[in-house]
Protein backbone atom coordinates (compact mmCIF):
# COMPACT_ATOMS: atom_id res chain seq x y z
CA MET A 1 0.00 0.00 0.00
CA GLU A 2 1.37 3.38 -0.97
CA LYS A 3 2.42 5.64 1.86
CA LYS A 4 0.78 9.04 1.68
CA LYS A 5 2.56 10.82 4.48
CA VAL A 6 5.38 13.25 3.80
CA GLU A 7 7.11 14.38 6.97
CA GLY A 8 8.43 17.93 7.20
CA GLU A 9 11.38 18.79 9.39
CA ASN A 10 12.31 22.32 10.35
CA ASN A 11 15.79 23.24 11.60
CA LYS A 12 16.42 26.92 12.40
CA GLY A 13 13.83 28.03 9.85
CA ASN A 14 14.90 25.66 7.10
CA GLY A 15 12.19 23.32 5.75
CA GLY A 16 13.05 19.71 5.06
CA VAL A 17 11.15 16.88 3.41
CA ARG A 18 11.73 13.17 3.95
CA LEU A 19 10.99 11.57 0.59
CA VAL A 20 9.24 8.27 0.65
CA ARG A 21 10.74 5.99 -1.97
CA SER A 22 7.50 4.01 -2.59
CA MET A 23 5.45 7.13 -3.48
CA SER A 24 4.31 7.30 -7.10
CA LEU A 25 5.87 9.76 -9.51
CA ASN A 26 2.57 11.59 -10.09
CA LYS A 27 2.04 12.06 -6.35
CA LEU A 28 5.56 13.42 -5.97
CA VAL A 29 4.94 15.98 -8.70
CA MET A 30 1.85 17.17 -6.82
CA VAL A 31 3.85 17.51 -3.58
CA LYS A 32 6.49 19.43 -5.53
CA ALA A 33 3.83 21.94 -6.68
CA ASP A 34 2.54 22.39 -3.10
CA LEU A 35 6.06 23.07 -1.82
CA LEU A 36 6.68 25.63 -4.50
CA GLN A 37 3.54 27.53 -3.43
CA MET A 38 4.61 27.41 0.25
CA LYS A 39 8.12 28.68 -0.77
CA HIS A 40 9.94 25.78 0.90
CA THR A 41 12.84 26.33 -1.47
CA ARG A 42 15.23 23.89 0.15
CA SER A 43 12.65 21.10 0.38
CA TYR A 44 11.53 21.89 -3.12
CA SER A 45 15.08 21.55 -4.43
CA ASP A 46 15.63 18.24 -2.65
CA LEU A 47 12.31 16.87 -3.89
CA ASN A 48 13.02 18.06 -7.43
CA ASN A 49 16.37 16.23 -7.45
CA HIS A 50 14.68 13.08 -6.19
CA ILE A 51 12.04 13.28 -8.91
CA GLU A 52 14.72 13.60 -11.57
CA CYS A 53 16.47 10.49 -10.19
CA ILE A 54 13.19 8.53 -10.34
CA LYS A 55 12.59 9.73 -13.90
CA ALA A 56 16.06 8.56 -14.93
CA GLU A 57 15.55 5.24 -13.20
CA THR A 58 12.13 4.79 -14.88
CA SER A 59 13.68 5.57 -18.28
CA VAL A 60 16.35 2.91 -17.77
CA LYS A 61 13.72 0.35 -16.78
CA ASN A 62 11.56 1.20 -19.81
CA PHE A 63 14.59 0.99 -22.12
CA ILE A 64 15.55 -2.42 -20.81
CA ALA A 65 11.95 -3.67 -20.98
CA SER A 66 11.47 -2.51 -24.59
CA HIS A 67 14.79 -3.68 -26.04
CA TYR A 68 15.76 -6.72 -24.02
CA SER A 69 12.46 -8.38 -23.13
CA SER A 70 13.33 -11.19 -25.47
CA LEU A 71 16.74 -11.88 -24.00
CA PRO A 72 17.20 -14.76 -21.65
CA ARG A 73 17.24 -14.03 -17.97
CA LEU A 74 21.02 -14.67 -17.83
CA LYS A 75 21.78 -11.76 -20.17
CA LEU A 76 19.63 -9.45 -18.11
CA LEU A 77 21.51 -10.47 -14.98
CA VAL A 78 24.86 -9.81 -16.70
CA LEU A 79 23.70 -6.36 -17.80
CA ALA A 80 22.44 -5.51 -14.32
CA ALA A 81 25.72 -6.68 -12.79
CA THR A 82 27.68 -4.49 -15.22
CA ILE A 83 25.62 -1.41 -14.33
CA LEU A 84 26.06 -2.19 -10.64
CA MET A 85 29.84 -2.48 -11.06
CA LEU A 86 29.99 0.88 -12.84
CA LEU A 87 28.02 2.51 -10.05
CA LEU A 88 30.24 0.94 -7.38
CA THR A 89 33.37 2.09 -9.23
CA ALA A 90 32.09 5.65 -9.41
CA PHE A 91 31.22 5.54 -5.71
CA PHE A 92 34.69 4.16 -4.82
CA LEU A 93 36.52 6.88 -6.78
CA GLU A 94 34.43 9.58 -5.13
CA PHE A 95 35.10 8.04 -1.70
CA MET A 96 38.88 7.90 -2.26
CA THR A 97 39.00 11.52 -3.38
CA LEU A 98 37.08 12.59 -0.30
CA THR A 99 39.28 10.46 1.98
CA HIS A 100 42.52 11.82 0.47
CA SER A 101 41.36 15.40 1.00
CA THR A 102 40.36 14.61 4.58
CA VAL A 103 43.73 12.99 5.36
CA ARG A 104 45.64 15.95 3.95
CA LEU A 105 43.53 18.32 6.01
CA SER A 106 44.02 16.20 9.12
CA LEU A 107 47.81 16.11 8.70
CA SER A 108 48.00 19.84 8.09
CA GLN A 109 46.43 20.40 11.49
CA PHE A 110 49.25 18.59 13.27
CA ARG A 111 52.33 19.06 11.10
CA TYR A 112 54.26 21.74 9.37
CA SER A 113 57.53 21.81 7.43
CA ASN A 114 60.70 19.95 8.45
CA ASN A 115 58.98 17.07 10.25
CA TYR A 116 57.97 19.01 13.37
CA THR A 117 54.65 19.54 15.10
CA HIS A 118 53.42 22.97 16.11
CA ASP A 119 54.62 22.11 19.62
CA GLY A 120 58.15 21.53 18.32
CA ASP A 121 58.08 17.74 18.66
CA PHE A 122 60.05 15.86 16.03
CA LEU A 123 58.06 13.57 13.73
CA PRO A 124 60.39 10.99 12.14
CA PRO A 125 59.93 10.33 8.42
CA SER A 126 58.47 7.07 7.17
CA GLU A 127 60.91 4.20 7.36
CA ARG A 128 62.54 3.02 4.13
CA VAL A 129 62.09 -0.73 3.80
CA TYR A 130 64.83 -2.61 1.96
CA GLN A 131 66.70 -5.90 1.97
CA SER A 132 69.96 -5.20 3.79
CA ASN A 133 73.14 -6.49 2.15
CA GLY A 134 75.05 -6.53 5.44
CA TYR A 135 76.39 -4.31 8.20
CA LEU A 136 78.84 -1.41 8.04
CA MET A 137 80.83 -0.48 11.14
CA VAL A 138 83.20 2.50 11.14
CA TRP A 139 85.94 3.86 13.35
CA SER A 140 85.90 7.59 12.66
CA ASN A 141 89.35 9.15 12.91
CA GLY A 142 90.49 12.69 13.65
CA GLY A 143 89.02 15.63 15.53
CA LEU A 144 85.39 16.70 15.69
CA ASN A 145 85.03 18.16 12.21
CA GLN A 146 87.11 15.54 10.43
CA MET A 147 84.92 12.90 12.06
CA ARG A 148 81.77 14.84 11.21
CA ALA A 149 82.56 14.92 7.49
CA GLY A 150 83.70 11.29 7.54
CA ILE A 151 80.53 10.08 9.24
CA SER A 152 78.43 11.91 6.65
CA ASP A 153 80.28 10.02 3.92
CA MET A 154 79.93 6.66 5.65
CA VAL A 155 76.16 7.02 6.12
CA THR A 156 75.87 7.90 2.43
CA ILE A 157 77.86 4.80 1.43
CA ALA A 158 75.67 2.59 3.61
CA ARG A 159 72.53 4.05 2.06
CA TYR A 160 73.56 3.46 -1.56
CA LEU A 161 74.92 -0.03 -0.90
CA ASN A 162 71.72 -0.93 0.99
CA LEU A 163 73.63 -1.71 4.17
CA THR A 164 72.65 -1.42 7.81
CA PHE A 165 74.79 1.27 9.45
CA ILE A 166 76.07 0.92 13.01
CA VAL A 167 76.50 4.09 15.10
CA PRO A 168 80.17 5.04 14.67
CA GLU A 169 83.01 4.56 17.09
CA LEU A 170 84.97 7.78 17.63
CA ASP A 171 88.72 8.24 17.63
CA ASN A 172 89.94 8.14 21.25
CA THR A 173 93.63 7.76 20.40
CA SER A 174 94.40 11.05 18.62
CA PHE A 175 96.47 13.92 19.96
CA TRP A 176 93.53 15.30 21.95
CA LYS A 177 92.90 12.08 23.92
CA ASP A 178 89.15 12.73 24.01
CA ARG A 179 87.32 9.67 25.37
CA SER A 180 83.88 10.83 24.23
CA HIS A 181 81.52 8.43 22.49
CA PHE A 182 79.17 9.36 19.66
CA GLU A 183 76.22 9.84 22.01
CA ASP A 184 78.28 12.22 24.18
CA ILE A 185 78.58 14.70 21.30
CA PHE A 186 75.66 14.03 18.94
CA ASP A 187 71.98 13.38 19.60
CA VAL A 188 72.08 9.70 18.72
CA ASP A 189 68.32 9.05 18.76
CA TYR A 190 67.64 12.03 16.50
CA PHE A 191 70.44 10.88 14.21
CA ILE A 192 68.85 7.45 13.82
CA GLN A 193 65.25 8.60 13.48
CA SER A 194 65.86 11.54 11.14
CA LEU A 195 67.54 9.29 8.55
CA ARG A 196 65.20 6.31 8.75
CA ASP A 197 63.70 7.14 5.35
CA GLU A 198 67.15 6.61 3.82
CA VAL A 199 69.07 4.01 5.81
CA GLN A 200 68.61 1.72 8.79
CA ILE A 201 70.91 2.73 11.66
CA LEU A 202 71.44 0.62 14.77
CA LYS A 203 73.23 1.50 17.99
CA GLU A 204 75.01 -1.86 17.90
CA LEU A 205 75.10 -5.13 16.00
CA PRO A 206 72.41 -7.75 16.64
CA PRO A 207 73.44 -10.03 19.57
CA ASP A 208 74.56 -13.01 17.46
CA LEU A 209 76.75 -10.89 15.17
CA LYS A 210 78.06 -8.83 18.08
CA GLN A 211 79.23 -11.98 19.83
CA ARG A 212 80.90 -13.24 16.67
CA VAL A 213 82.71 -9.95 16.14
CA GLU A 214 83.88 -9.80 19.76
CA THR A 215 85.07 -13.40 19.98
CA ARG A 216 86.30 -14.20 16.50
CA PHE A 217 86.85 -11.96 13.53
CA VAL A 218 85.53 -8.93 11.71
CA TYR A 219 86.76 -7.96 8.26
CA THR A 220 88.56 -4.62 8.76
CA MET A 221 89.96 -2.29 6.13
CA PRO A 222 90.48 1.38 5.24
CA PRO A 223 88.47 2.34 2.14
CA ARG A 224 90.39 3.99 -0.66
CA SER A 225 90.66 7.78 -0.45
CA TRP A 226 88.74 10.09 -2.84
CA SER A 227 86.81 7.23 -4.44
CA ASP A 228 83.75 7.54 -6.63
CA MET A 229 80.70 5.38 -6.03
CA SER A 230 81.76 2.71 -8.53
CA TYR A 231 84.56 1.69 -6.14
CA TYR A 232 82.03 1.04 -3.40
CA TYR A 233 79.68 -0.88 -5.71
CA ASP A 234 82.40 -2.97 -7.35
CA VAL A 235 84.85 -3.52 -4.49
CA ILE A 236 83.21 -2.90 -1.13
CA LEU A 237 79.73 -4.34 -1.69
CA PRO A 238 80.99 -7.84 -2.67
CA ARG A 239 83.13 -7.90 0.48
CA VAL A 240 80.21 -6.96 2.69
CA LYS A 241 78.09 -9.69 1.10
CA ARG A 242 80.90 -12.20 1.61
CA HIS A 243 81.66 -11.36 5.26
CA GLY A 244 78.29 -10.02 6.47
CA VAL A 245 80.02 -7.29 8.49
CA VAL A 246 82.77 -4.90 7.35
CA ARG A 247 84.53 -2.40 9.60
CA PHE A 248 86.19 0.71 8.12
CA ILE A 249 89.12 2.02 10.17
CA ARG A 250 89.40 5.37 8.41
CA THR A 251 86.60 7.68 7.30
CA ASP A 252 88.23 10.97 6.25
CA GLY A 253 88.17 11.90 2.57
CA ARG A 254 86.80 8.56 1.38
CA ILE A 255 84.37 9.94 -1.23
CA ALA A 256 85.55 12.10 -4.12
CA ASN A 257 84.76 15.81 -4.09
CA ASN A 258 83.57 15.78 -7.70
CA GLY A 259 82.22 13.34 -10.27
CA VAL A 260 79.64 12.01 -7.81
CA PRO A 261 75.88 11.79 -8.59
CA GLU A 262 73.91 14.77 -7.32
CA GLU A 263 71.60 12.64 -5.16
CA VAL A 264 74.68 11.26 -3.36
CA GLN A 265 76.01 14.76 -2.75
CA LYS A 266 72.67 15.92 -1.39
CA LEU A 267 72.54 13.05 1.08
CA ARG A 268 76.04 13.98 2.29
CA CYS A 269 74.66 17.46 2.96
CA ARG A 270 71.57 16.18 4.71
CA VAL A 271 73.56 14.01 7.09
CA ASN A 272 76.08 16.75 7.88
CA TYR A 273 73.76 19.74 8.16
CA LYS A 274 70.57 18.11 9.42
CA ALA A 275 71.09 14.73 11.06
CA LEU A 276 74.33 15.39 12.99
CA ARG A 277 72.76 17.53 15.67
CA PHE A 278 74.67 18.07 18.90
CA THR A 279 73.33 16.81 22.22
CA PRO A 280 70.81 19.09 23.99
CA SER A 281 73.37 20.04 26.65
CA ILE A 282 75.93 21.14 24.04
CA GLU A 283 73.28 22.99 22.02
CA GLN A 284 72.04 24.85 25.10
CA ALA A 285 75.52 25.89 26.21
CA GLY A 286 76.49 27.02 22.70
CA LYS A 287 73.33 29.09 22.30
CA LYS A 288 73.90 30.64 25.71
CA ILE A 289 77.30 31.91 24.51
CA VAL A 290 75.63 33.36 21.42
CA ARG A 291 72.99 35.13 23.54
CA VAL A 292 75.67 36.69 25.75
CA LEU A 293 77.54 37.95 22.68
CA ARG A 294 74.40 39.24 20.96
CA LYS A 295 73.52 41.42 23.95
CA LYS A 296 76.62 43.49 23.18
CA GLY A 297 76.12 43.64 19.43
CA PRO A 298 77.61 41.92 16.37
CA PHE A 299 80.63 39.64 16.73
CA LEU A 300 83.31 37.96 14.63
CA ALA A 301 84.28 34.34 15.26
CA LEU A 302 88.03 33.92 14.78
CA HIS A 303 89.27 30.37 14.33
CA LEU A 304 92.78 31.22 15.52
CA ARG A 305 94.51 27.93 14.87
CA TYR A 306 97.84 28.99 16.32
CA GLU A 307 97.87 25.94 18.59
CA MET A 308 100.56 23.53 19.61
CA ASP A 309 99.40 20.53 17.58
CA VAL A 310 99.05 22.52 14.32
CA LEU A 311 102.42 24.21 14.71
CA SER A 312 104.13 20.92 15.49
CA PHE A 313 102.64 18.81 12.71
CA SER A 314 102.84 21.56 10.09
CA GLY A 315 106.39 22.51 11.07
CA CYS A 316 105.45 26.20 11.19
CA TYR A 317 107.65 28.08 13.65
CA GLU A 318 107.05 31.71 12.67
CA GLY A 319 107.44 33.87 15.78
CA CYS A 320 108.68 31.02 18.00
CA ASN A 321 111.89 31.13 20.02
CA GLU A 322 114.53 28.39 20.04
CA THR A 323 113.06 26.62 23.05
CA GLU A 324 109.58 26.52 21.50
CA MET A 325 110.88 25.30 18.15
CA ASP A 326 112.75 22.47 19.88
CA GLN A 327 109.62 21.50 21.83
CA LEU A 328 107.46 21.45 18.68
CA THR A 329 109.99 19.36 16.76
CA LYS A 330 110.29 16.77 19.54
CA MET A 331 106.52 16.47 19.69
CA ARG A 332 106.30 15.76 15.96
CA TYR A 333 109.01 13.10 16.10
CA ALA A 334 107.31 11.45 19.07
CA CYS A 335 104.15 10.76 17.06
CA PRO A 336 104.67 7.54 15.08
CA TRP A 337 101.55 8.08 12.96
CA TRP A 338 102.81 11.46 11.66
CA LYS A 339 104.90 10.56 8.62
CA GLU A 340 106.42 13.94 7.72
CA LYS A 341 109.29 14.69 10.13
CA GLU A 342 111.77 17.01 8.38
CA ILE A 343 110.00 20.26 7.47
CA ASN A 344 111.40 23.55 6.18
CA SER A 345 109.40 26.05 8.20
CA LYS A 346 110.30 29.16 6.19
CA TYR A 347 109.52 27.55 2.84
CA ARG A 348 106.24 26.19 4.15
CA ARG A 349 105.19 29.66 5.23
CA GLN A 350 106.13 31.21 1.90
CA ILE A 351 103.85 28.79 0.00
CA GLY A 352 100.95 29.61 2.28
CA LEU A 353 100.73 26.38 4.27
CA CYS A 354 101.17 27.84 7.75
CA PRO A 355 98.51 29.25 10.06
CA LEU A 356 98.57 33.01 10.51
CA THR A 357 100.18 34.18 13.72
CA PRO A 358 98.15 36.40 16.07
CA GLU A 359 100.20 39.38 14.85
CA GLU A 360 99.56 38.53 11.17
CA THR A 361 95.89 38.06 11.97
CA ALA A 362 95.67 41.51 13.58
CA LEU A 363 97.25 43.16 10.53
CA THR A 364 94.86 41.31 8.20
CA LEU A 365 91.70 42.25 10.14
CA ARG A 366 92.79 45.88 10.40
CA ALA A 367 93.52 46.01 6.66
CA LEU A 368 90.01 44.67 5.98
CA ASP A 369 88.57 47.54 8.06
CA ILE A 370 87.11 45.32 10.77
CA ASP A 371 85.82 47.65 13.50
CA PRO A 372 88.41 47.66 16.33
CA LYS A 373 85.55 47.79 18.86
CA MET A 374 83.94 44.64 17.48
CA GLN A 375 83.74 41.58 19.69
CA ILE A 376 86.21 38.93 18.56
CA TYR A 377 85.29 35.44 19.77
CA ILE A 378 88.30 33.08 19.76
CA ALA A 379 86.89 29.82 18.41
CA ALA A 380 89.89 27.70 19.24
CA GLY A 381 91.91 26.17 22.06
CA ASP A 382 94.85 27.67 23.88
CA THR A 383 97.12 29.89 21.79
CA TYR A 384 100.69 28.59 21.76
CA GLY A 385 102.87 31.05 23.62
CA GLY A 386 99.97 32.36 25.67
CA GLU A 387 99.37 36.03 26.30
CA ARG A 388 102.82 36.97 24.95
CA ARG A 389 101.70 35.89 21.46
CA MET A 390 98.19 37.32 21.84
CA ALA A 391 99.37 40.81 22.80
CA PRO A 392 99.44 42.30 19.24
CA LEU A 393 95.95 41.00 18.49
CA ARG A 394 94.56 42.19 21.81
CA LYS A 395 96.07 45.62 21.30
CA ALA A 396 94.37 45.98 17.90
CA PHE A 397 91.06 44.44 19.05
CA PRO A 398 90.58 44.85 22.82
CA ASN A 399 87.23 43.04 22.90
CA LEU A 400 88.70 39.54 22.65
CA VAL A 401 86.53 36.92 24.33
CA LYS A 402 86.30 33.13 24.49
CA LYS A 403 83.94 30.61 25.98
CA GLU A 404 85.90 30.47 29.23
CA THR A 405 85.29 34.21 29.80
CA LEU A 406 81.63 34.19 28.76
CA LEU A 407 80.31 31.20 30.71
CA LYS A 408 80.51 30.34 34.38
CA PRO A 409 82.90 27.51 35.30
CA SER A 410 79.87 25.41 36.28
CA ASP A 411 78.40 25.85 32.78
CA LEU A 412 81.60 24.62 31.15
CA GLU A 413 82.38 21.87 33.63
CA PRO A 414 80.59 19.05 31.68
CA PHE A 415 82.66 19.81 28.56
CA GLN A 416 86.10 20.55 29.97
CA ASN A 417 88.79 17.92 29.40
CA PHE A 418 86.82 16.82 26.32
CA SER A 419 88.30 18.66 23.34
CA ASN A 420 85.62 17.54 20.89
CA ARG A 421 82.80 18.78 23.12
CA MET A 422 84.56 22.11 23.55
CA ALA A 423 85.06 22.25 19.77
CA ALA A 424 81.32 21.65 19.35
CA LEU A 425 80.62 24.83 21.36
CA ASP A 426 82.96 26.78 19.06
CA TYR A 427 81.20 25.26 16.04
CA ILE A 428 77.81 26.53 17.20
CA VAL A 429 79.13 30.04 17.89
CA SER A 430 81.00 30.13 14.56
CA LEU A 431 77.83 29.26 12.66
CA GLU A 432 75.91 32.04 14.38
CA SER A 433 78.59 34.74 14.07
CA ASP A 434 78.21 37.78 11.84
CA ILE A 435 81.63 37.09 10.31
CA PHE A 436 83.72 33.93 10.45
CA VAL A 437 87.48 34.11 9.84
CA PRO A 438 89.66 30.98 9.93
CA THR A 439 93.43 31.53 10.05
CA TYR A 440 94.23 28.04 8.80
CA SER A 441 92.54 25.70 6.31
CA GLY A 442 91.92 22.85 8.72
CA ASN A 443 88.84 20.68 9.01
CA MET A 444 86.84 23.10 11.16
CA ALA A 445 87.55 25.96 8.74
CA LYS A 446 86.35 23.85 5.80
CA VAL A 447 83.23 22.40 7.40
CA VAL A 448 82.07 25.65 9.02
CA GLU A 449 82.61 27.60 5.79
CA GLY A 450 80.46 25.10 3.87
CA HIS A 451 77.79 25.05 6.57
CA ARG A 452 77.59 28.85 6.50
CA ARG A 453 77.18 28.73 2.71
CA TYR A 454 74.37 26.22 3.23
CA LEU A 455 72.70 28.59 5.71
CA GLY A 456 72.53 31.38 3.14
CA PHE A 457 76.07 32.38 2.16
CA LYS A 458 76.88 33.97 5.51
CA THR A 459 80.04 36.10 5.46
CA THR A 460 83.17 33.97 5.77
CA ILE A 461 86.52 35.60 5.06
CA THR A 462 89.12 33.00 4.11
CA PRO A 463 92.59 34.57 4.22
CA ASN A 464 94.76 33.93 1.17
CA ARG A 465 97.87 33.07 3.16
CA LEU A 466 100.01 32.59 0.05
CA ILE A 467 99.66 36.27 -0.86
CA LEU A 468 99.16 37.63 2.65
CA VAL A 469 102.56 36.56 3.98
CA ARG A 470 104.27 38.37 1.09
CA LEU A 471 102.22 41.52 1.63
CA ILE A 472 102.85 41.42 5.37
CA ASP A 473 106.59 40.99 4.90
CA GLN A 474 106.67 43.88 2.41
CA TYR A 475 104.72 46.11 4.80
CA LYS A 476 106.95 45.21 7.77
CA ASN A 477 110.07 45.83 5.64
CA GLY A 478 108.80 49.28 4.65
CA LYS A 479 108.23 48.44 0.99
CA LEU A 480 104.49 49.12 1.28
CA SER A 481 102.71 51.95 3.07
CA TRP A 482 99.72 51.12 5.24
CA GLU A 483 97.34 52.48 2.60
CA GLU A 484 98.98 50.34 -0.11
CA PHE A 485 98.98 47.28 2.13
CA SER A 486 95.34 47.73 3.16
CA LYS A 487 94.19 48.28 -0.42
CA ALA A 488 96.03 45.17 -1.64
CA VAL A 489 94.55 43.01 1.14
CA LYS A 490 91.03 44.18 0.26
CA VAL A 491 91.53 43.41 -3.43
CA VAL A 492 92.89 39.93 -2.69
CA HIS A 493 89.89 39.07 -0.49
CA ALA A 494 87.11 40.67 -2.52
CA ASN A 495 85.92 37.25 -3.71
CA ARG A 496 86.80 35.27 -0.60
CA ARG A 497 83.76 36.08 1.53
CA GLY A 498 81.75 32.89 1.44
CA GLY A 499 79.62 33.75 -1.58
CA PRO A 500 78.55 31.48 -4.47
CA THR A 501 81.53 30.00 -6.33
CA VAL A 502 82.30 26.96 -8.47
CA ARG A 503 84.33 24.27 -6.73
CA THR A 504 87.79 23.85 -8.22
CA GLU A 505 88.62 20.45 -9.72
CA PHE A 506 91.95 18.64 -10.09
CA PRO A 507 90.93 15.07 -11.03
CA ARG A 508 94.42 13.61 -10.56
CA ILE A 509 95.29 15.60 -7.41
CA PRO A 510 92.14 15.70 -5.28
CA LYS A 511 93.99 17.21 -2.31
CA LEU A 512 94.36 20.41 -4.33
CA GLU A 513 90.62 20.66 -4.98
CA ASP A 514 88.15 22.61 -2.94
CA ASN A 515 86.77 20.19 -0.39
CA PHE A 516 83.15 19.18 -0.97
CA TYR A 517 82.20 20.25 2.56
CA THR A 518 83.77 23.68 1.98
CA ASN A 519 81.55 24.36 -1.01
CA PRO A 520 78.65 21.88 -1.26
CA GLN A 521 77.41 23.53 -4.45
CA GLU A 522 75.00 20.70 -5.35
CA CYS A 523 73.03 21.55 -2.19
CA LEU A 524 72.99 25.33 -2.70
CA PRO A 525 70.77 27.57 -4.84
CA LYS A 526 71.70 27.28 -8.50
CA MET A 527 73.81 30.10 -9.88
CA SER A 528 73.13 31.78 -13.19
CA SER A 529 75.93 31.59 -15.74
CA LYS A 530 76.58 35.33 -15.30
CA SER A 531 77.06 35.06 -11.54
CA LYS A 532 79.37 32.03 -11.58
CA LYS A 533 82.77 32.66 -10.07
CA PHE A 534 85.59 30.17 -9.81
CA SER A 535 86.92 29.70 -6.32
CA PRO A 536 90.37 31.31 -5.97
CA SER A 537 93.19 28.90 -5.43
CA ARG A 538 93.84 27.96 -1.83
CA PRO A 539 95.40 28.50 0.64
């Protein structure tokens, strides 16, 4: 029996009609006319749409009845099933579109760029799932920044060989005798989680393999220096597959600077500049130093590498007395791992391979018109020769400060006697400085310069020591006036301020090239052909 009741529902003044599916088409048309007279526009629209659906449905039924009445029942069932499948497909596509939009909206409420929530909580990326070809262990040699660059390379190698990477062991046997472990310097959990979309990283080997390594044998080797990726695919990967675990005992300079796929270079950048974050305690102390400096205005971070280890191993004795030269020579000969023993100090200085002395540094900064009232933060250890050697620099720039004068002893206590942790504080301050000036092209100078380029080409003045020592000698000998000296120094350093340049290449002598981490150009904004500048020769 046909239902004759149409229920109206009002909600805040809006009329609504519940359509009864069994009502005849003629009756619905009459109801439609009544609604139009009563000006129930919303109900009228809904009812009108329903009537059109019934008309379309009636037309389909009439079409089937008139054209297929003679077909067997099986064909009619097939046709009905086909129509049903089409309708279900259309419904599914509409549902997926709606769901996708809802998911995107939902995520946008909780996340923003760089994998962080609005509350600052880190959201790790989705894990990359792959069949591991084995395990890579590394013993990272050198000081903080040499290890930092080496670890970035090792993670990249593990990723492209589809290996499982074990958190690195750090060099505890170098000159600095720092006994810190990886987790004492870097945020190990962040390191692992932030790279999980590229490579699986474990804090240690699985128990069975760990026991085997500790009690029997692990295949150990130094990878070849300055190698392209083909070396790792063709030589290293088969060895990992054969032994299951391979341990590298050197990590510095193991991937070529150039001739490497761009995606490999970009991962090296990501590891170095994103994943290798210092521990919270180091970050907090470093930022506290920056805040103290900022309260007094802009500051220059001076990586014054006039330290005992550099002078000894480089054989650079400029400004040293006989007793000091004898001490530095004995130290070099006492180190069995340092191969170069006999060094001509004067010649080495003339070819630009010695660190600038504090006096030479003062002359250079003055010639570059650095404000004498500017704060100069010494981002280095103890200056060899102490205050006697620092006097010319302090006279020219009285506002010399260092971490020991800016922080309370209690703030520094957790990092003292750990050279790499102290170096990490200097790294943070150097990144944040208005100007960074390294007096020697060591690993910190290279890595910080590249990191500052990555952060937006922040001003980094890299002294051209090859030319500077000649200009300084001419000025001191009276062959150049101060105005002539200052003008020449400015001209020499006009294009040595950390701006966009093209990395120099010497395929057969990679040590003469610009280091990748000094100028990671693949990770920087692309330069137009007009703005390209070739990096001046170093030093």
